[in-house]
């Protein structure tokens, strides 16, 4: 997977369900699009690889506190973990 940084998407588990490859993914940084490549080899020895784009979006956001440091446009500046950085 790429990118591959701390806090990025990880593979939680994998399985085969008949003709399907099943991936359970975890984590990821909101606003980041990851490339996930699945490679398989058939019983006949054929190889197949497919890549997909996986955008990560926040499911919910908590309003930044009044003491949050913001950009000129009013967006809070956050830590690498998505927490607003405050002036206090």
PDB file of N, CA and C in Angstrom:
ATOM      1  N   UNK A   1       0.831  -1.167   0.000  1.00  0.00           N
ATOM      2  CA  UNK A   1       0.000   0.000   0.000  1.00  0.00           C
ATOM      3  C   UNK A   1       0.878   1.234   0.000  1.00  0.00           C
ATOM      4  N   UNK A   2       0.368   2.255  -0.620  1.00  0.00           N
ATOM      5  CA  UNK A   2       1.088   3.517  -0.565  1.00  0.00           C
ATOM      6  C   UNK A   2       0.066   4.640  -0.418  1.00  0.00           C
ATOM      7  N   UNK A   3       0.396   5.702   0.273  1.00  0.00           N
ATOM      8  CA  UNK A   3       1.632   5.873   1.037  1.00  0.00           C
ATOM      9  C   UNK A   3       1.705   4.898   2.207  1.00  0.00           C
ATOM     10  N   UNK A   4       2.855   4.837   2.843  1.00  0.00           N
ATOM     11  CA  UNK A   4       3.089   3.903   3.939  1.00  0.00           C
ATOM     12  C   UNK A   4       3.787   4.646   5.069  1.00  0.00           C
ATOM     13  N   UNK A   5       3.007   5.377   5.867  1.00  0.00           N
ATOM     14  CA  UNK A   5       3.527   6.167   6.974  1.00  0.00           C
ATOM     15  C   UNK A   5       2.816   5.769   8.261  1.00  0.00           C
ATOM     16  N   UNK A   6       3.354   6.147   9.426  1.00  0.00           N
ATOM     17  CA  UNK A   6       2.654   5.852  10.680  1.00  0.00           C
ATOM     18  C   UNK A   6       1.233   6.411  10.658  1.00  0.00           C
ATOM     19  N   UNK A   7       0.268   5.606  11.082  1.00  0.00           N
ATOM     20  CA  UNK A   7      -1.132   6.020  11.110  1.00  0.00           C
ATOM     21  C   UNK A   7      -1.870   5.806   9.808  1.00  0.00           C
ATOM     22  N   UNK A   8      -1.175   5.302   8.779  1.00  0.00           N
ATOM     23  CA  UNK A   8      -1.825   5.064   7.497  1.00  0.00           C
ATOM     24  C   UNK A   8      -2.615   3.763   7.519  1.00  0.00           C
ATOM     25  N   UNK A   9      -3.264   3.463   6.408  1.00  0.00           N
ATOM     26  CA  UNK A   9      -4.080   2.253   6.288  1.00  0.00           C
ATOM     27  C   UNK A   9      -3.207   1.016   6.487  1.00  0.00           C
ATOM     28  N   UNK A  10      -3.753   0.048   7.226  1.00  0.00           N
ATOM     29  CA  UNK A  10      -3.082  -1.237   7.406  1.00  0.00           C
ATOM     30  C   UNK A  10      -4.060  -2.354   7.067  1.00  0.00           C
ATOM     31  N   UNK A  11      -3.539  -3.522   6.773  1.00  0.00           N
ATOM     32  CA  UNK A  11      -4.378  -4.683   6.510  1.00  0.00           C
ATOM     33  C   UNK A  11      -4.661  -5.360   7.843  1.00  0.00           C
ATOM     34  N   UNK A  12      -5.942  -5.381   8.240  1.00  0.00           N
ATOM     35  CA  UNK A  12      -6.332  -6.030   9.493  1.00  0.00           C
ATOM     36  C   UNK A  12      -6.430  -7.540   9.300  1.00  0.00           C
ATOM     37  N   UNK A  13      -6.984  -7.979   8.169  1.00  0.00           N
ATOM     38  CA  UNK A  13      -7.051  -9.419   7.862  1.00  0.00           C
ATOM     39  C   UNK A  13      -7.391  -9.602   6.393  1.00  0.00           C
ATOM     40  N   UNK A  14      -7.159 -10.813   5.920  1.00  0.00           N
ATOM     41  CA  UNK A  14      -7.481 -11.176   4.538  1.00  0.00           C
ATOM     42  C   UNK A  14      -8.154 -12.536   4.535  1.00  0.00           C
ATOM     43  N   UNK A  15      -8.914 -12.788   3.477  1.00  0.00           N
ATOM     44  CA  UNK A  15      -9.569 -14.088   3.328  1.00  0.00           C
ATOM     45  C   UNK A  15      -9.885 -14.302   1.854  1.00  0.00           C
ATOM     46  N   UNK A  16     -10.147 -15.553   1.524  1.00  0.00           N
ATOM     47  CA  UNK A  16     -10.610 -15.912   0.191  1.00  0.00           C
ATOM     48  C   UNK A  16     -12.025 -16.447   0.354  1.00  0.00           C
ATOM     49  N   UNK A  17     -12.944 -15.922  -0.453  1.00  0.00           N
ATOM     50  CA  UNK A  17     -14.340 -16.344  -0.412  1.00  0.00           C
ATOM     51  C   UNK A  17     -14.726 -16.773  -1.822  1.00  0.00           C
ATOM     52  N   UNK A  18     -14.480 -18.037  -2.117  1.00  0.00           N
ATOM     53  CA  UNK A  18     -14.748 -18.523  -3.478  1.00  0.00           C
ATOM     54  C   UNK A  18     -13.844 -17.840  -4.472  1.00  0.00           C
ATOM     55  N   UNK A  19     -14.435 -17.007  -5.319  1.00  0.00           N
ATOM     56  CA  UNK A  19     -13.651 -16.297  -6.339  1.00  0.00           C
ATOM     57  C   UNK A  19     -13.302 -14.876  -5.913  1.00  0.00           C
ATOM     58  N   UNK A  20     -13.498 -14.561  -4.626  1.00  0.00           N
ATOM     59  CA  UNK A  20     -13.251 -13.206  -4.148  1.00  0.00           C
ATOM     60  C   UNK A  20     -12.118 -13.157  -3.135  1.00  0.00           C
ATOM     61  N   UNK A  21     -11.302 -12.114  -3.274  1.00  0.00           N
ATOM     62  CA  UNK A  21     -10.312 -11.806  -2.245  1.00  0.00           C
ATOM     63  C   UNK A  21     -10.955 -10.769  -1.330  1.00  0.00           C
ATOM     64  N   UNK A  22     -10.933 -11.013  -0.023  1.00  0.00           N
ATOM     65  CA  UNK A  22     -11.574 -10.118   0.938  1.00  0.00           C
ATOM     66  C   UNK A  22     -10.492  -9.498   1.812  1.00  0.00           C
ATOM     67  N   UNK A  23     -10.480  -8.159   1.875  1.00  0.00           N
ATOM     68  CA  UNK A  23      -9.520  -7.434   2.692  1.00  0.00           C
ATOM     69  C   UNK A  23     -10.279  -6.624   3.730  1.00  0.00           C
ATOM     70  N   UNK A  24      -9.836  -6.690   4.981  1.00  0.00           N
ATOM     71  CA  UNK A  24     -10.346  -5.817   6.034  1.00  0.00           C
ATOM     72  C   UNK A  24      -9.229  -4.848   6.329  1.00  0.00           C
ATOM     73  N   UNK A  25      -9.505  -3.558   6.104  1.00  0.00           N
ATOM     74  CA  UNK A  25      -8.489  -2.531   6.282  1.00  0.00           C
ATOM     75  C   UNK A  25      -8.809  -1.699   7.514  1.00  0.00           C
ATOM     76  N   UNK A  26      -7.782  -1.108   8.109  1.00  0.00           N
ATOM     77  CA  UNK A  26      -7.961  -0.294   9.310  1.00  0.00           C
ATOM     78  C   UNK A  26      -7.107   0.957   9.201  1.00  0.00           C
ATOM     79  N   UNK A  27      -7.516   1.992   9.933  1.00  0.00           N
ATOM     80  CA  UNK A  27      -6.721   3.210  10.028  1.00  0.00           C
ATOM     81  C   UNK A  27      -6.860   4.102   8.819  1.00  0.00           C
ATOM     82  N   UNK A  28      -5.865   4.903   8.618  1.00  0.00           N
ATOM     83  CA  UNK A  28      -5.853   5.833   7.504  1.00  0.00           C
ATOM     84  C   UNK A  28      -5.994   7.264   7.963  1.00  0.00           C
ATOM     85  N   UNK A  29      -5.419   8.156   7.208  1.00  0.00           N
ATOM     86  CA  UNK A  29      -5.459   9.582   7.502  1.00  0.00           C
ATOM     87  C   UNK A  29      -6.538  10.235   6.641  1.00  0.00           C
ATOM     88  N   UNK A  30      -7.509  10.927   7.269  1.00  0.00           N
ATOM     89  CA  UNK A  30      -8.532  11.617   6.481  1.00  0.00           C
ATOM     90  C   UNK A  30      -7.898  12.561   5.467  1.00  0.00           C
ATOM     91  N   UNK A  31      -8.475  12.591   4.286  1.00  0.00           N
ATOM     92  CA  UNK A  31      -7.963  13.460   3.230  1.00  0.00           C
ATOM     93  C   UNK A  31      -6.856  12.828   2.406  1.00  0.00           C
ATOM     94  N   UNK A  32      -6.489  11.583   2.720  1.00  0.00           N
ATOM     95  CA  UNK A  32      -5.436  10.883   1.987  1.00  0.00           C
ATOM     96  C   UNK A  32      -6.062   9.833   1.089  1.00  0.00           C
ATOM     97  N   UNK A  33      -5.570   9.711  -0.129  1.00  0.00           N
ATOM     98  CA  UNK A  33      -5.994   8.648  -1.025  1.00  0.00           C
ATOM     99  C   UNK A  33      -4.863   7.630  -1.096  1.00  0.00           C
ATOM    100  N   UNK A  34      -5.176   6.403  -0.739  1.00  0.00           N
ATOM    101  CA  UNK A  34      -4.204   5.310  -0.743  1.00  0.00           C
ATOM    102  C   UNK A  34      -4.371   4.478  -1.997  1.00  0.00           C
ATOM    103  N   UNK A  35      -3.291   3.857  -2.433  1.00  0.00           N
ATOM    104  CA  UNK A  35      -3.347   2.901  -3.523  1.00  0.00           C
ATOM    105  C   UNK A  35      -3.175   1.509  -2.917  1.00  0.00           C
ATOM    106  N   UNK A  36      -4.189   0.670  -3.120  1.00  0.00           N
ATOM    107  CA  UNK A  36      -4.160  -0.700  -2.603  1.00  0.00           C
ATOM    108  C   UNK A  36      -4.028  -1.618  -3.808  1.00  0.00           C
ATOM    109  N   UNK A  37      -3.004  -2.455  -3.797  1.00  0.00           N
ATOM    110  CA  UNK A  37      -2.789  -3.403  -4.894  1.00  0.00           C
ATOM    111  C   UNK A  37      -2.979  -4.821  -4.373  1.00  0.00           C
ATOM    112  N   UNK A  38      -3.859  -5.558  -5.045  1.00  0.00           N
ATOM    113  CA  UNK A  38      -4.116  -6.956  -4.699  1.00  0.00           C
ATOM    114  C   UNK A  38      -3.491  -7.814  -5.794  1.00  0.00           C
ATOM    115  N   UNK A  39      -2.630  -8.739  -5.391  1.00  0.00           N
ATOM    116  CA  UNK A  39      -1.980  -9.655  -6.337  1.00  0.00           C
ATOM    117  C   UNK A  39      -2.362 -11.076  -5.974  1.00  0.00           C
ATOM    118  N   UNK A  40      -2.766 -11.844  -6.972  1.00  0.00           N
ATOM    119  CA  UNK A  40      -3.118 -13.244  -6.728  1.00  0.00           C
ATOM    120  C   UNK A  40      -2.412 -14.131  -7.743  1.00  0.00           C
ATOM    121  N   UNK A  41      -2.241 -15.375  -7.373  1.00  0.00           N
ATOM    122  CA  UNK A  41      -1.725 -16.401  -8.274  1.00  0.00           C
ATOM    123  C   UNK A  41      -2.740 -17.532  -8.284  1.00  0.00           C
ATOM    124  N   UNK A  42      -3.202 -17.913  -9.466  1.00  0.00           N
ATOM    125  CA  UNK A  42      -4.197 -18.970  -9.575  1.00  0.00           C
ATOM    126  C   UNK A  42      -3.534 -20.337  -9.402  1.00  0.00           C
ATOM    127  N   UNK A  43      -4.359 -21.359  -9.246  1.00  0.00           N
ATOM    128  CA  UNK A  43      -3.824 -22.722  -9.140  1.00  0.00           C
ATOM    129  C   UNK A  43      -3.067 -23.125 -10.398  1.00  0.00           C
ATOM    130  N   UNK A  44      -3.419 -22.520 -11.532  1.00  0.00           N
ATOM    131  CA  UNK A  44      -2.741 -22.807 -12.796  1.00  0.00           C
ATOM    132  C   UNK A  44      -1.453 -22.003 -12.943  1.00  0.00           C
ATOM    133  N   UNK A  45      -1.110 -21.175 -11.960  1.00  0.00           N
ATOM    134  CA  UNK A  45       0.129 -20.414 -11.997  1.00  0.00           C
ATOM    135  C   UNK A  45       0.025 -19.058 -12.664  1.00  0.00           C
ATOM    136  N   UNK A  46      -1.182 -18.636 -13.000  1.00  0.00           N
ATOM    137  CA  UNK A  46      -1.352 -17.316 -13.602  1.00  0.00           C
ATOM    138  C   UNK A  46      -1.340 -16.243 -12.519  1.00  0.00           C
ATOM    139  N   UNK A  47      -0.749 -15.096 -12.844  1.00  0.00           N
ATOM    140  CA  UNK A  47      -0.679 -13.984 -11.899  1.00  0.00           C
ATOM    141  C   UNK A  47      -1.618 -12.868 -12.342  1.00  0.00           C
ATOM    142  N   UNK A  48      -2.258 -12.246 -11.376  1.00  0.00           N
ATOM    143  CA  UNK A  48      -3.161 -11.141 -11.638  1.00  0.00           C
ATOM    144  C   UNK A  48      -2.963 -10.100 -10.544  1.00  0.00           C
ATOM    145  N   UNK A  49      -2.819  -8.854 -10.939  1.00  0.00           N
ATOM    146  CA  UNK A  49      -2.670  -7.760  -9.969  1.00  0.00           C
ATOM    147  C   UNK A  49      -3.584  -6.625 -10.386  1.00  0.00           C
ATOM    148  N   UNK A  50      -4.294  -6.072  -9.420  1.00  0.00           N
ATOM    149  CA  UNK A  50      -5.169  -4.932  -9.657  1.00  0.00           C
ATOM    150  C   UNK A  50      -4.961  -3.920  -8.542  1.00  0.00           C
ATOM    151  N   UNK A  51      -4.923  -2.640  -8.920  1.00  0.00           N
ATOM    152  CA  UNK A  51      -4.779  -1.559  -7.950  1.00  0.00           C
ATOM    153  C   UNK A  51      -6.061  -0.750  -7.921  1.00  0.00           C
ATOM    154  N   UNK A  52      -6.411  -0.287  -6.720  1.00  0.00           N
ATOM    155  CA  UNK A  52      -7.570   0.582  -6.566  1.00  0.00           C
ATOM    156  C   UNK A  52      -7.159   1.803  -5.748  1.00  0.00           C
ATOM    157  N   UNK A  53      -7.849   2.898  -5.979  1.00  0.00           N
ATOM    158  CA  UNK A  53      -7.638   4.110  -5.177  1.00  0.00           C
ATOM    159  C   UNK A  53      -8.634   4.066  -4.032  1.00  0.00           C
ATOM    160  N   UNK A  54      -8.159   4.269  -2.824  1.00  0.00           N
ATOM    161  CA  UNK A  54      -8.993   4.213  -1.631  1.00  0.00           C
ATOM    162  C   UNK A  54      -8.909   5.557  -0.901  1.00  0.00           C
ATOM    163  N   UNK A  55      -9.877   6.459  -1.141  1.00  0.00           N
ATOM    164  CA  UNK A  55      -9.854   7.739  -0.410  1.00  0.00           C
ATOM    165  C   UNK A  55     -10.378   7.545   1.004  1.00  0.00           C
ATOM    166  N   UNK A  56      -9.752   8.194   1.966  1.00  0.00           N
ATOM    167  CA  UNK A  56     -10.184   8.123   3.364  1.00  0.00           C
ATOM    168  C   UNK A  56     -10.814   9.465   3.732  1.00  0.00           C
ATOM    169  N   UNK A  57     -12.039   9.400   4.250  1.00  0.00           N
ATOM    170  CA  UNK A  57     -12.743  10.609   4.681  1.00  0.00           C
ATOM    171  C   UNK A  57     -13.107  10.474   6.145  1.00  0.00           C
ATOM    172  N   UNK A  58     -13.232  11.584   6.827  1.00  0.00           N
ATOM    173  CA  UNK A  58     -13.671  11.575   8.220  1.00  0.00           C
ATOM    174  C   UNK A  58     -15.157  11.253   8.264  1.00  0.00           C
ATOM    175  N   UNK A  59     -15.547  10.388   9.184  1.00  0.00           N
ATOM    176  CA  UNK A  59     -16.964  10.096   9.350  1.00  0.00           C
ATOM    177  C   UNK A  59     -17.645  11.173  10.179  1.00  0.00           C
ATOM    178  N   UNK A  60     -16.893  11.805  11.035  1.00  0.00           N
ATOM    179  CA  UNK A  60     -17.432  12.881  11.871  1.00  0.00           C
ATOM    180  C   UNK A  60     -16.278  13.777  12.277  1.00  0.00           C
ATOM    181  N   UNK A  61     -16.596  14.993  12.592  1.00  0.00           N
ATOM    182  CA  UNK A  61     -15.556  15.886  13.077  1.00  0.00           C
ATOM    183  C   UNK A  61     -16.065  16.615  14.310  1.00  0.00           C
ATOM    184  N   UNK A  62     -15.165  16.845  15.211  1.00  0.00           N
ATOM    185  CA  UNK A  62     -15.480  17.557  16.441  1.00  0.00           C
ATOM    186  C   UNK A  62     -15.077  19.010  16.238  1.00  0.00           C
ATOM    187  N   UNK A  63     -15.938  19.962  16.597  1.00  0.00           N
ATOM    188  CA  UNK A  63     -15.561  21.367  16.426  1.00  0.00           C
ATOM    189  C   UNK A  63     -14.276  21.692  17.188  1.00  0.00           C
ATOM    190  N   UNK A  64     -13.447  22.507  16.569  1.00  0.00           N
ATOM    191  CA  UNK A  64     -12.194  22.909  17.213  1.00  0.00           C
ATOM    192  C   UNK A  64     -12.511  23.849  18.375  1.00  0.00           C
ATOM    193  N   UNK A  65     -11.717  23.776  19.464  1.00  0.00           N
ATOM    194  CA  UNK A  65     -11.939  24.698  20.586  1.00  0.00           C
ATOM    195  C   UNK A  65     -11.621  26.133  20.166  1.00  0.00           C
ATOM    196  N   UNK A  66     -12.156  27.076  20.896  1.00  0.00           N
ATOM    197  CA  UNK A  66     -11.951  28.499  20.597  1.00  0.00           C
ATOM    198  C   UNK A  66     -10.475  28.880  20.613  1.00  0.00           C
ATOM    199  N   UNK A  67      -9.655  28.149  21.380  1.00  0.00           N
ATOM    200  CA  UNK A  67      -8.231  28.472  21.479  1.00  0.00           C
ATOM    201  C   UNK A  67      -7.395  27.822  20.374  1.00  0.00           C
ATOM    202  N   UNK A  68      -8.043  27.168  19.400  1.00  0.00           N
ATOM    203  CA  UNK A  68      -7.309  26.496  18.322  1.00  0.00           C
ATOM    204  C   UNK A  68      -6.618  27.528  17.434  1.00  0.00           C
ATOM    205  N   UNK A  69      -5.418  27.186  17.001  1.00  0.00           N
ATOM    206  CA  UNK A  69      -4.687  28.021  16.054  1.00  0.00           C
ATOM    207  C   UNK A  69      -5.253  27.709  14.673  1.00  0.00           C
ATOM    208  N   UNK A  70      -5.594  28.752  13.904  1.00  0.00           N
ATOM    209  CA  UNK A  70      -6.231  28.537  12.613  1.00  0.00           C
ATOM    210  C   UNK A  70      -5.435  29.159  11.480  1.00  0.00           C
ATOM    211  N   UNK A  71      -5.741  28.713  10.268  1.00  0.00           N
ATOM    212  CA  UNK A  71      -5.169  29.287   9.056  1.00  0.00           C
ATOM    213  C   UNK A  71      -5.895  30.598   8.755  1.00  0.00           C
ATOM    214  N   UNK A  72      -5.379  31.416   7.839  1.00  0.00           N
ATOM    215  CA  UNK A  72      -6.096  32.646   7.481  1.00  0.00           C
ATOM    216  C   UNK A  72      -7.529  32.371   7.000  1.00  0.00           C
ATOM    217  N   UNK A  73      -7.774  31.172   6.463  1.00  0.00           N
ATOM    218  CA  UNK A  73      -9.117  30.813   6.003  1.00  0.00           C
ATOM    219  C   UNK A  73     -10.019  30.313   7.120  1.00  0.00           C
ATOM    220  N   UNK A  74      -9.488  30.186   8.343  1.00  0.00           N
ATOM    221  CA  UNK A  74     -10.293  29.765   9.483  1.00  0.00           C
ATOM    222  C   UNK A  74     -10.242  28.285   9.815  1.00  0.00           C
ATOM    223  N   UNK A  75      -9.505  27.491   9.038  1.00  0.00           N
ATOM    224  CA  UNK A  75      -9.396  26.051   9.318  1.00  0.00           C
ATOM    225  C   UNK A  75      -8.408  25.830  10.456  1.00  0.00           C
ATOM    226  N   UNK A  76      -8.749  24.950  11.414  1.00  0.00           N
ATOM    227  CA  UNK A  76      -7.817  24.701  12.512  1.00  0.00           C
ATOM    228  C   UNK A  76      -6.573  23.959  12.026  1.00  0.00           C
ATOM    229  N   UNK A  77      -5.431  24.312  12.593  1.00  0.00           N
ATOM    230  CA  UNK A  77      -4.193  23.585  12.313  1.00  0.00           C
ATOM    231  C   UNK A  77      -4.177  22.390  13.262  1.00  0.00           C
ATOM    232  N   UNK A  78      -3.893  21.210  12.705  1.00  0.00           N
ATOM    233  CA  UNK A  78      -3.974  19.983  13.504  1.00  0.00           C
ATOM    234  C   UNK A  78      -2.636  19.271  13.599  1.00  0.00           C
ATOM    235  N   UNK A  79      -2.537  18.424  14.615  1.00  0.00           N
ATOM    236  CA  UNK A  79      -1.370  17.568  14.797  1.00  0.00           C
ATOM    237  C   UNK A  79      -1.436  16.447  13.762  1.00  0.00           C
ATOM    238  N   UNK A  80      -0.374  15.632  13.641  1.00  0.00           N
ATOM    239  CA  UNK A  80      -0.418  14.488  12.724  1.00  0.00           C
ATOM    240  C   UNK A  80      -1.548  13.505  13.060  1.00  0.00           C
ATOM    241  N   UNK A  81      -2.114  13.608  14.248  1.00  0.00           N
ATOM    242  CA  UNK A  81      -3.193  12.705  14.670  1.00  0.00           C
ATOM    243  C   UNK A  81      -4.561  13.338  14.498  1.00  0.00           C
ATOM    244  N   UNK A  82      -4.618  14.542  13.885  1.00  0.00           N
ATOM    245  CA  UNK A  82      -5.883  15.197  13.621  1.00  0.00           C
ATOM    246  C   UNK A  82      -6.438  16.025  14.762  1.00  0.00           C
ATOM    247  N   UNK A  83      -5.665  16.207  15.830  1.00  0.00           N
ATOM    248  CA  UNK A  83      -6.118  17.001  16.965  1.00  0.00           C
ATOM    249  C   UNK A  83      -5.772  18.475  16.749  1.00  0.00           C
ATOM    250  N   UNK A  84      -6.734  19.395  16.995  1.00  0.00           N
ATOM    251  CA  UNK A  84      -6.420  20.824  16.830  1.00  0.00           C
ATOM    252  C   UNK A  84      -5.293  21.248  17.766  1.00  0.00           C
ATOM    253  N   UNK A  85      -4.406  22.080  17.258  1.00  0.00           N
ATOM    254  CA  UNK A  85      -3.322  22.643  18.079  1.00  0.00           C
ATOM    255  C   UNK A  85      -3.852  23.933  18.683  1.00  0.00           C
ATOM    256  N   UNK A  86      -3.729  24.061  19.982  1.00  0.00           N
ATOM    257  CA  UNK A  86      -4.266  25.238  20.672  1.00  0.00           C
ATOM    258  C   UNK A  86      -3.159  26.179  21.098  1.00  0.00           C
ATOM    259  N   UNK A  87      -3.547  27.434  21.347  1.00  0.00           N
ATOM    260  CA  UNK A  87      -2.591  28.463  21.768  1.00  0.00           C
ATOM    261  C   UNK A  87      -2.229  28.296  23.236  1.00  0.00           C
ATOM    262  N   UNK A  88      -3.013  27.565  23.985  1.00  0.00           N
ATOM    263  CA  UNK A  88      -2.743  27.399  25.429  1.00  0.00           C
ATOM    264  C   UNK A  88      -1.937  26.162  25.671  1.00  0.00           C
TER     265      UNK A  88
END
